[in-house]
């Protein structure tokens, strides 16, 4: 049996309609779910921030929804020190900038002390305030107070003081930086010679209202001539009768050259000290013959007269011999050395002698080595290179032959005429200080031989 065709078609249409309705429902559900997901995604995007973290030369960028400073640094793996500083700034859009300023040390030097303070930012003025260092108007600060602080910066505060200086009688007031008196004088361009005197130690510290006094001391060597008075000597002779006298040698004064040192303080002569003296012309004593012979009896007058004539001739010859001997001594001055040799010399000096020693390898002022036989003198009196012979006046020490090679303050100020070199302190101590005679055998040329 065949079914009606119409009914069959109707059933197919009904089945097709039911399937279409199901598809529409599914599409609607999926649309709603997509919209919800999209809305959620847009909300997350809106809340997420891009954070740029600057830590010195290092830069890190992260995305986060957390705006807590510590949470941001923890997420970025950044650790802070105790004194580090963090600045968080929101920029346009979803941006955030985090700047980390690391703490560092700053050293401040003032009044002989060094203080250290910790800063992450600021100026020199901030560091001075933190270190509780007071700066006066006259003080100088390096770097300047407005300079930005940097790691391990060294800040120095130099104090200035007003001092009074009396230099050779003239007084001035000057401002000088902190330091020693020697540094203050150098700052002011005031030079001291080795002989100048300062009323305080040069290494003492400068302080406010310090009063300095400088005495300029100079020495001048002068020479003067002085007469040596002749002596009157009586000489007994049996060539003359008792009561008779006869001048055998006329007296004449000698001359000595006196070398002295004058001391001037601030241009004024304060003292004069004799350094040495030497005889340039010997005095000739007046010798008077005094008769001791008895007068003869009258009967023997003729014989006595003849005898007197013969004695006069003998006396004259003797007098001539004496005169010749003296002239020879005056022309050639000599002494006898330790070996018994007769040595000629140019001149001699008598005065105080001292002794010194020096470390091995030392040199003298003339460039010669410091060693026994090389002695210190005043080269204005005895030039370097002069050949000398030196003995003590008490006869206890014969230093012997020497060379003028060195000098020293005592030789210039006149407290000694020679400083003898020995190898050891013990030898110097044994010699001590004693009067000596220096014979100048050969004149030096004051040349430097180093």
Protein backbone atom coordinates (compact mmCIF):
# COMPACT_ATOMS: atom_id res chain seq x y z
CA UNK A 1 0.00 0.00 0.00
CA UNK A 2 1.37 3.32 -1.05
CA UNK A 3 1.33 6.27 1.23
CA UNK A 4 0.10 9.59 0.05
CA UNK A 5 2.97 11.71 -1.32
CA UNK A 6 1.72 14.93 0.25
CA UNK A 7 1.96 13.65 3.75
CA UNK A 8 5.50 12.41 3.19
CA UNK A 9 6.65 15.87 2.15
CA UNK A 10 5.08 17.50 5.15
CA UNK A 11 6.96 15.28 7.51
CA UNK A 12 10.30 16.13 5.85
CA UNK A 13 9.66 19.88 6.21
CA UNK A 14 8.83 19.44 9.86
CA UNK A 15 12.10 17.56 10.50
CA UNK A 16 14.18 20.23 8.70
CA UNK A 17 12.67 23.02 10.79
CA UNK A 18 13.59 21.34 14.05
CA UNK A 19 17.32 21.08 13.08
CA UNK A 20 17.58 24.78 12.12
CA UNK A 21 16.20 25.91 15.45
CA UNK A 22 18.92 23.96 17.33
CA UNK A 23 21.75 25.59 15.39
CA UNK A 24 20.45 29.07 16.17
CA UNK A 25 20.38 28.36 19.89
CA UNK A 26 23.99 27.10 19.86
CA UNK A 27 25.21 30.18 17.99
CA UNK A 28 23.52 32.45 20.50
CA UNK A 29 25.13 30.69 23.44
CA UNK A 30 28.59 30.86 21.92
CA UNK A 31 28.13 34.55 21.16
CA UNK A 32 27.27 35.34 24.74
CA UNK A 33 30.28 33.41 26.03
CA UNK A 34 32.66 35.20 23.61
CA UNK A 35 31.35 38.54 24.64
CA UNK A 36 31.95 37.72 28.31
CA UNK A 37 35.52 36.54 27.62
CA UNK A 38 36.30 39.59 25.53
CA UNK A 39 34.97 41.87 28.22
CA UNK A 40 37.14 40.14 30.82
CA UNK A 41 40.21 40.36 28.64
CA UNK A 42 39.65 44.04 28.05
CA UNK A 43 39.29 44.60 31.82
CA UNK A 44 42.64 42.83 32.56
CA UNK A 45 44.39 44.81 29.87
CA UNK A 46 43.05 48.04 31.30
CA UNK A 47 44.36 47.21 34.79
CA UNK A 48 47.84 46.03 33.75
CA UNK A 49 50.70 48.61 34.10
CA UNK A 50 54.04 48.67 32.28
CA UNK A 51 56.70 49.49 34.86
CA UNK A 52 60.16 50.79 33.88
CA UNK A 53 62.68 50.37 36.72
CA UNK A 54 65.94 52.40 36.50
CA UNK A 55 68.71 51.29 38.90
CA UNK A 56 71.85 53.23 38.02
CA UNK A 57 72.88 52.10 34.58
CA UNK A 58 70.54 49.09 34.66
CA UNK A 59 66.96 49.26 33.31
CA UNK A 60 64.24 46.60 33.85
CA UNK A 61 60.69 46.57 32.37
CA UNK A 62 57.86 44.46 33.82
CA UNK A 63 54.04 44.30 33.49
CA UNK A 64 52.04 44.16 36.68
CA UNK A 65 48.63 44.96 38.10
CA UNK A 66 50.15 45.64 41.51
CA UNK A 67 51.18 49.25 42.16
CA UNK A 68 52.66 48.59 45.58
CA UNK A 69 56.30 49.71 45.49
CA UNK A 70 57.69 46.76 47.42
CA UNK A 71 55.63 44.29 45.35
CA UNK A 72 56.91 45.82 42.10
CA UNK A 73 60.58 45.61 43.26
CA UNK A 74 60.05 42.06 44.52
CA UNK A 75 58.53 41.01 41.18
CA UNK A 76 61.50 42.62 39.37
CA UNK A 77 64.00 40.92 41.71
CA UNK A 78 65.45 44.26 42.91
CA UNK A 79 66.81 44.44 46.46
CA UNK A 80 67.21 47.69 48.40
CA UNK A 81 69.85 48.72 50.92
CA UNK A 82 69.03 50.39 54.23
CA UNK A 83 69.63 53.93 52.96
CA UNK A 84 68.57 53.51 49.31
CA UNK A 85 65.80 55.78 48.04
CA UNK A 86 62.95 54.86 45.61
CA UNK A 87 60.84 57.32 43.61
CA UNK A 88 57.69 55.94 41.84
CA UNK A 89 56.06 58.11 39.15
CA UNK A 90 52.98 57.31 37.03
CA UNK A 91 53.27 58.42 33.43
CA UNK A 92 50.63 58.90 30.74
CA UNK A 93 48.71 55.80 29.70
CA UNK A 94 49.48 52.70 31.72
CA UNK A 95 53.17 53.55 32.32
CA UNK A 96 54.97 53.73 35.66
CA UNK A 97 58.60 54.75 36.21
CA UNK A 98 60.54 53.63 39.25
CA UNK A 99 63.90 55.32 39.96
CA UNK A 100 66.24 53.75 42.53
CA UNK A 101 68.91 56.02 44.08
CA UNK A 102 71.53 53.94 45.81
CA UNK A 103 73.08 55.26 49.02
CA UNK A 104 76.79 56.17 48.98
CA UNK A 105 79.46 57.53 51.33
CA UNK A 106 80.70 61.12 51.35
CA UNK A 107 83.88 62.05 53.29
CA UNK A 108 84.32 65.49 54.83
CA UNK A 109 87.73 66.71 56.03
CA UNK A 110 87.76 69.60 58.49
CA UNK A 111 89.83 70.71 61.51
CA UNK A 112 92.18 67.76 61.18
CA UNK A 113 89.35 65.22 61.31
CA UNK A 114 87.54 63.17 58.64
CA UNK A 115 83.82 62.45 58.91
CA UNK A 116 81.80 60.09 56.73
CA UNK A 117 78.09 60.51 56.00
CA UNK A 118 75.68 58.43 53.87
CA UNK A 119 73.56 60.04 51.14
CA UNK A 120 71.52 58.92 48.17
CA UNK A 121 71.15 62.45 46.77
CA UNK A 122 71.80 66.03 47.76
CA UNK A 123 74.45 68.75 47.65
CA UNK A 124 77.68 69.55 49.46
CA UNK A 125 75.72 71.92 51.66
CA UNK A 126 73.45 69.02 52.71
CA UNK A 127 76.50 66.94 53.62
CA UNK A 128 77.98 69.76 55.73
CA UNK A 129 74.69 70.10 57.59
CA UNK A 130 74.41 66.36 58.16
CA UNK A 131 78.00 66.20 59.48
CA UNK A 132 77.33 69.20 61.76
CA UNK A 133 80.33 71.12 60.36
CA UNK A 134 80.15 74.87 60.74
CA UNK A 135 81.64 76.90 57.92
CA UNK A 136 82.71 80.50 58.55
CA UNK A 137 82.55 83.22 55.96
CA UNK A 138 86.35 83.23 55.57
CA UNK A 139 86.60 79.45 55.16
CA UNK A 140 86.81 77.75 51.77
CA UNK A 141 84.86 74.61 50.79
CA UNK A 142 85.95 72.32 47.95
CA UNK A 143 83.86 71.39 45.98
CA UNK A 144 81.51 74.35 46.43
CA UNK A 145 78.38 74.11 48.59
CA UNK A 146 76.00 73.80 45.60
CA UNK A 147 77.82 70.87 44.00
CA UNK A 148 75.75 67.67 43.60
CA UNK A 149 76.98 64.81 45.75
CA UNK A 150 78.64 61.81 44.12
CA UNK A 151 79.77 58.42 45.49
CA UNK A 152 83.00 58.61 47.53
CA UNK A 153 83.16 62.39 47.10
CA UNK A 154 85.81 64.09 49.23
CA UNK A 155 84.84 67.46 50.64
CA UNK A 156 87.55 69.61 52.21
CA UNK A 157 86.96 72.60 54.46
CA UNK A 158 89.99 74.86 54.74
CA UNK A 159 89.98 77.27 57.67
CA UNK A 160 91.50 80.73 57.36
CA UNK A 161 93.07 82.68 60.21
CA UNK A 162 94.21 86.26 60.72
CA UNK A 163 97.76 86.49 62.07
CA UNK A 164 100.19 89.31 62.89
CA UNK A 165 103.74 89.21 61.48
CA UNK A 166 106.58 91.43 62.73
CA UNK A 167 109.30 91.03 60.13
CA UNK A 168 112.49 92.94 60.94
CA UNK A 169 110.53 95.50 62.97
CA UNK A 170 107.69 96.01 60.50
CA UNK A 171 104.29 94.59 61.50
CA UNK A 172 101.53 93.53 59.09
CA UNK A 173 98.27 91.59 59.48
CA UNK A 174 97.57 88.76 57.03
CA UNK A 175 94.95 86.06 56.41
CA UNK A 176 96.44 82.60 55.96
CA UNK A 177 95.01 79.09 55.46
CA UNK A 178 95.15 76.45 58.16
CA UNK A 179 98.41 74.55 58.50
CA UNK A 180 101.82 75.09 60.06
CA UNK A 181 103.70 78.34 60.55
CA UNK A 182 106.18 77.24 57.86
CA UNK A 183 103.31 76.70 55.40
CA UNK A 184 101.82 80.10 56.29
CA UNK A 185 105.14 81.84 55.61
CA UNK A 186 105.47 79.99 52.31
CA UNK A 187 101.91 80.99 51.39
CA UNK A 188 102.80 84.64 52.06
CA UNK A 189 106.09 84.34 50.16
CA UNK A 190 108.16 85.11 53.26
CA UNK A 191 111.51 83.31 53.17
CA UNK A 192 113.81 82.68 56.12
CA UNK A 193 117.57 82.32 55.86
CA UNK A 194 119.34 79.71 58.01
CA UNK A 195 120.48 82.45 60.40
CA UNK A 196 117.09 84.16 60.87
CA UNK A 197 115.24 83.63 64.15
CA UNK A 198 111.50 82.94 64.53
CA UNK A 199 109.73 83.33 67.89
CA UNK A 200 107.76 80.08 67.48
CA UNK A 201 108.55 76.66 66.08
CA UNK A 202 108.03 76.48 62.33
CA UNK A 203 106.04 73.24 62.64
CA UNK A 204 103.54 74.68 65.16
CA UNK A 205 99.92 75.09 64.02
CA UNK A 206 98.50 78.42 62.89
CA UNK A 207 95.69 79.81 65.01
CA UNK A 208 93.64 83.00 65.07
CA UNK A 209 95.46 86.13 66.31
CA UNK A 210 98.86 84.36 66.26
CA UNK A 211 101.74 86.84 66.62
CA UNK A 212 104.90 85.98 64.69
CA UNK A 213 108.20 87.79 65.08
CA UNK A 214 111.09 87.36 62.66
CA UNK A 215 114.55 88.69 63.49
CA UNK A 216 116.72 88.94 60.41
CA UNK A 217 120.25 88.08 61.50
CA UNK A 218 123.29 88.64 59.31
CA UNK A 219 126.99 88.30 59.93
CA UNK A 220 129.83 90.38 58.58
CA UNK A 221 133.49 89.45 58.75
CA UNK A 222 135.77 92.46 59.29
CA UNK A 223 139.51 92.80 59.68
CA UNK A 224 141.46 95.42 61.59
CA UNK A 225 145.12 96.04 62.34
CA UNK A 226 146.44 96.47 65.85
CA UNK A 227 149.90 97.42 67.00
CA UNK A 228 151.95 94.96 69.03
CA UNK A 229 153.93 96.97 71.53
CA UNK A 230 157.59 96.05 71.80
CA UNK A 231 159.02 95.08 75.13
CA UNK A 232 162.08 96.57 76.77
CA UNK A 233 164.60 93.95 77.74
CA UNK A 234 167.78 94.43 79.74
CA UNK A 235 170.68 92.16 78.99
CA UNK A 236 173.66 91.97 81.30
CA UNK A 237 177.09 92.05 79.75
CA UNK A 238 180.60 92.12 81.10
CA UNK A 239 181.62 94.11 78.06
CA UNK A 240 180.40 97.24 79.81
CA UNK A 241 181.35 98.60 83.15
CA UNK A 242 178.87 98.60 85.97
CA UNK A 243 176.62 101.61 85.63
CA UNK A 244 177.06 101.78 81.86
CA UNK A 245 174.24 100.93 79.43
CA UNK A 246 174.04 100.65 75.72
CA UNK A 247 171.08 100.06 73.39
CA UNK A 248 171.83 96.87 71.54
CA UNK A 249 168.57 96.78 69.53
CA UNK A 250 166.12 99.58 68.95
CA UNK A 251 162.55 98.57 69.72
CA UNK A 252 159.83 98.68 67.08
CA UNK A 253 156.16 97.82 67.30
CA UNK A 254 154.75 94.88 65.44
CA UNK A 255 151.36 94.55 63.73
CA UNK A 256 148.66 91.94 64.03
CA UNK A 257 145.62 91.44 61.83
CA UNK A 258 142.46 90.79 63.86
CA UNK A 259 139.53 89.08 62.15
CA UNK A 260 136.19 89.65 63.85
CA UNK A 261 132.61 88.77 63.15
CA UNK A 262 129.94 91.43 63.52
CA UNK A 263 126.37 90.34 64.21
CA UNK A 264 123.51 92.45 62.88
CA UNK A 265 119.90 92.01 64.00
CA UNK A 266 117.40 93.63 61.65
CA UNK A 267 120.20 95.74 60.22
CA UNK A 268 121.56 96.95 63.58
CA UNK A 269 124.96 95.94 64.94
CA UNK A 270 124.42 94.04 68.17
CA UNK A 271 127.74 92.33 68.89
CA UNK A 272 131.31 91.84 67.70
CA UNK A 273 133.29 88.69 68.35
CA UNK A 274 136.94 88.08 67.59
CA UNK A 275 137.43 85.03 65.41
CA UNK A 276 141.18 84.98 65.10
CA UNK A 277 144.29 87.04 64.94
CA UNK A 278 147.58 86.64 63.13
CA UNK A 279 150.85 88.48 63.36
CA UNK A 280 151.78 90.20 60.14
CA UNK A 281 154.85 91.91 61.60
CA UNK A 282 156.67 90.81 64.71
CA UNK A 283 157.55 93.35 67.35
CA UNK A 284 161.25 93.86 67.90
CA UNK A 285 162.10 94.17 71.56
CA UNK A 286 164.32 97.00 72.69
CA UNK A 287 167.41 95.36 74.12
CA UNK A 288 169.56 97.41 76.45
CA UNK A 289 172.92 96.11 77.54
CA UNK A 290 173.70 96.69 81.19
CA UNK A 291 177.34 96.54 82.19
CA UNK A 292 178.52 94.26 84.95
CA UNK A 293 182.32 94.65 84.62
CA UNK A 294 184.26 96.35 87.35
CA UNK A 295 186.18 99.42 86.38
CA UNK A 296 189.99 98.95 86.39
CA UNK A 297 192.32 100.75 88.73
CA UNK A 298 193.71 104.02 87.38
CA UNK A 299 197.08 102.38 86.74
CA UNK A 300 195.39 100.01 84.38
CA UNK A 301 193.39 102.66 82.55
CA UNK A 302 195.28 102.28 79.29
CA UNK A 303 194.86 98.51 79.35
CA UNK A 304 191.24 98.88 80.13
CA UNK A 305 190.84 101.30 77.28
CA UNK A 306 192.43 98.82 74.87
CA UNK A 307 190.33 96.01 76.27
CA UNK A 308 187.26 98.13 75.88
CA UNK A 309 188.06 98.74 72.22
CA UNK A 310 188.48 95.03 71.52
CA UNK A 311 185.27 94.14 73.37
CA UNK A 312 183.37 96.71 71.39
CA UNK A 313 184.47 95.08 68.18
CA UNK A 314 183.42 91.63 69.41
CA UNK A 315 180.08 92.96 70.57
CA UNK A 316 179.40 94.55 67.24
CA UNK A 317 180.02 91.29 65.44
CA UNK A 318 177.71 89.43 67.79
CA UNK A 319 175.01 92.05 67.36
CA UNK A 320 175.26 91.70 63.60
CA UNK A 321 174.85 87.93 63.85
CA UNK A 322 171.76 88.32 66.03
CA UNK A 323 170.24 90.78 63.56
CA UNK A 324 170.87 88.41 60.66
CA UNK A 325 169.16 85.53 62.53
CA UNK A 326 166.10 87.65 63.28
CA UNK A 327 165.76 88.84 59.70
CA UNK A 328 165.82 85.23 58.54
CA UNK A 329 163.06 84.30 60.98
CA UNK A 330 160.95 87.28 59.90
CA UNK A 331 161.26 86.33 56.23
CA UNK A 332 160.43 82.68 56.68
CA UNK A 333 157.97 81.61 59.38
CA UNK A 334 158.50 77.99 60.33
CA UNK A 335 157.38 75.36 62.81
CA UNK A 336 158.60 71.90 63.68
CA UNK A 337 156.18 69.08 62.91
CA UNK A 338 155.63 65.81 64.80
CA UNK A 339 158.48 64.17 62.88
CA UNK A 340 160.98 66.88 63.72
CA UNK A 341 160.84 68.47 60.26
CA UNK A 342 161.06 72.22 59.91
CA UNK A 343 158.08 73.38 57.87
CA UNK A 344 157.49 76.81 56.34
CA UNK A 345 154.04 78.34 56.70
CA UNK A 346 152.21 81.39 55.35
CA UNK A 347 150.30 82.41 58.46
CA UNK A 348 148.79 80.99 61.61
CA UNK A 349 145.49 81.24 63.53
CA UNK A 350 144.82 80.63 67.19
CA UNK A 351 141.35 79.98 68.59
CA UNK A 352 138.82 77.43 69.79
CA UNK A 353 138.71 74.02 68.10
CA UNK A 354 135.90 71.42 68.13
CA UNK A 355 135.38 67.95 66.65
CA UNK A 356 132.66 66.21 64.61
CA UNK A 357 131.85 63.00 62.78
CA UNK A 358 129.37 62.01 60.03
CA UNK A 359 127.75 58.87 58.57
CA UNK A 360 129.88 56.81 56.19
CA UNK A 361 129.83 58.12 52.63
CA UNK A 362 129.05 61.71 53.61
CA UNK A 363 130.50 64.60 51.63
CA UNK A 364 131.82 67.98 52.72
CA UNK A 365 130.83 71.45 51.55
CA UNK A 366 133.75 71.46 49.08
CA UNK A 367 132.78 68.09 47.61
CA UNK A 368 135.58 66.20 49.34
CA UNK A 369 134.72 63.09 51.37
CA UNK A 370 134.10 63.45 55.10
CA UNK A 371 137.13 61.65 56.54
CA UNK A 372 140.01 62.21 58.96
CA UNK A 373 142.33 64.87 57.59
CA UNK A 374 139.51 66.90 56.02
CA UNK A 375 138.48 69.61 58.47
CA UNK A 376 135.82 72.35 58.60
CA UNK A 377 136.85 76.03 58.57
CA UNK A 378 135.48 79.46 57.70
CA UNK A 379 136.32 79.62 53.97
CA UNK A 380 136.36 83.41 54.17
CA UNK A 381 139.50 83.06 56.33
CA UNK A 382 140.97 79.78 55.15
CA UNK A 383 139.90 78.85 51.58
CA UNK A 384 138.86 75.29 50.74
CA UNK A 385 141.79 73.23 49.56
CA UNK A 386 144.32 74.95 51.88
CA UNK A 387 146.98 72.67 53.34
CA UNK A 388 147.15 72.96 57.13
CA UNK A 389 148.94 71.66 60.19
CA UNK A 390 146.98 71.67 63.46
CA UNK A 391 148.06 71.20 67.07
CA UNK A 392 146.37 71.90 70.39
CA UNK A 393 147.87 74.67 72.48
CA UNK A 394 147.90 72.48 75.60
CA UNK A 395 150.27 70.05 73.85
CA UNK A 396 147.91 67.09 74.34
CA UNK A 397 146.69 66.66 70.75
CA UNK A 398 148.52 66.85 67.47
CA UNK A 399 145.96 66.50 64.68
CA UNK A 400 148.75 66.96 62.16
CA UNK A 401 148.42 67.67 58.46
CA UNK A 402 144.95 68.44 57.14
CA UNK A 403 143.00 69.96 54.26
CA UNK A 404 140.35 72.71 54.54
CA UNK A 405 137.29 70.90 53.14
CA UNK A 406 134.11 71.67 55.07
CA UNK A 407 132.34 74.41 57.02
CA UNK A 408 129.51 74.95 59.48
CA UNK A 409 127.54 77.50 61.45
CA UNK A 410 129.98 77.56 64.37
CA UNK A 411 132.78 78.53 61.99
CA UNK A 412 130.77 81.48 60.67
CA UNK A 413 129.45 82.75 63.99
CA UNK A 414 132.94 82.78 65.46
CA UNK A 415 132.45 80.21 68.23
CA UNK A 416 135.23 78.07 66.68
CA UNK A 417 138.00 78.44 64.10
CA UNK A 418 138.17 74.77 63.14
CA UNK A 419 136.04 71.61 63.43
CA UNK A 420 138.23 68.48 63.27
CA UNK A 421 136.82 65.35 61.63
CA UNK A 422 137.07 62.03 63.49
CA UNK A 423 135.62 58.64 62.65
CA UNK A 424 133.74 58.08 65.92
CA UNK A 425 131.75 59.94 68.54
CA UNK A 426 134.15 58.65 71.18
CA UNK A 427 137.12 60.35 69.49
CA UNK A 428 135.14 63.58 69.19
CA UNK A 429 134.17 63.43 72.86
CA UNK A 430 137.78 62.79 73.87
CA UNK A 431 138.93 65.86 71.95
CA UNK A 432 136.06 68.02 73.21
CA UNK A 433 136.76 71.72 72.81
CA UNK A 434 140.23 73.17 73.24
CA UNK A 435 142.38 75.98 71.91
CA UNK A 436 144.41 75.11 68.84
CA UNK A 437 146.91 76.68 66.44
CA UNK A 438 146.40 76.33 62.70
CA UNK A 439 149.43 76.76 60.44
CA UNK A 440 148.47 77.56 56.85
CA UNK A 441 151.14 75.86 54.74
CA UNK A 442 149.55 76.31 51.31
CA UNK A 443 146.69 78.56 50.23
CA UNK A 444 143.65 76.86 48.66
CA UNK A 445 141.52 78.17 45.78
CA UNK A 446 138.05 77.55 47.34
CA UNK A 447 137.19 75.29 44.39
CA UNK A 448 134.44 72.65 44.58
CA UNK A 449 135.86 69.24 43.71
CA UNK A 450 132.74 67.05 43.87
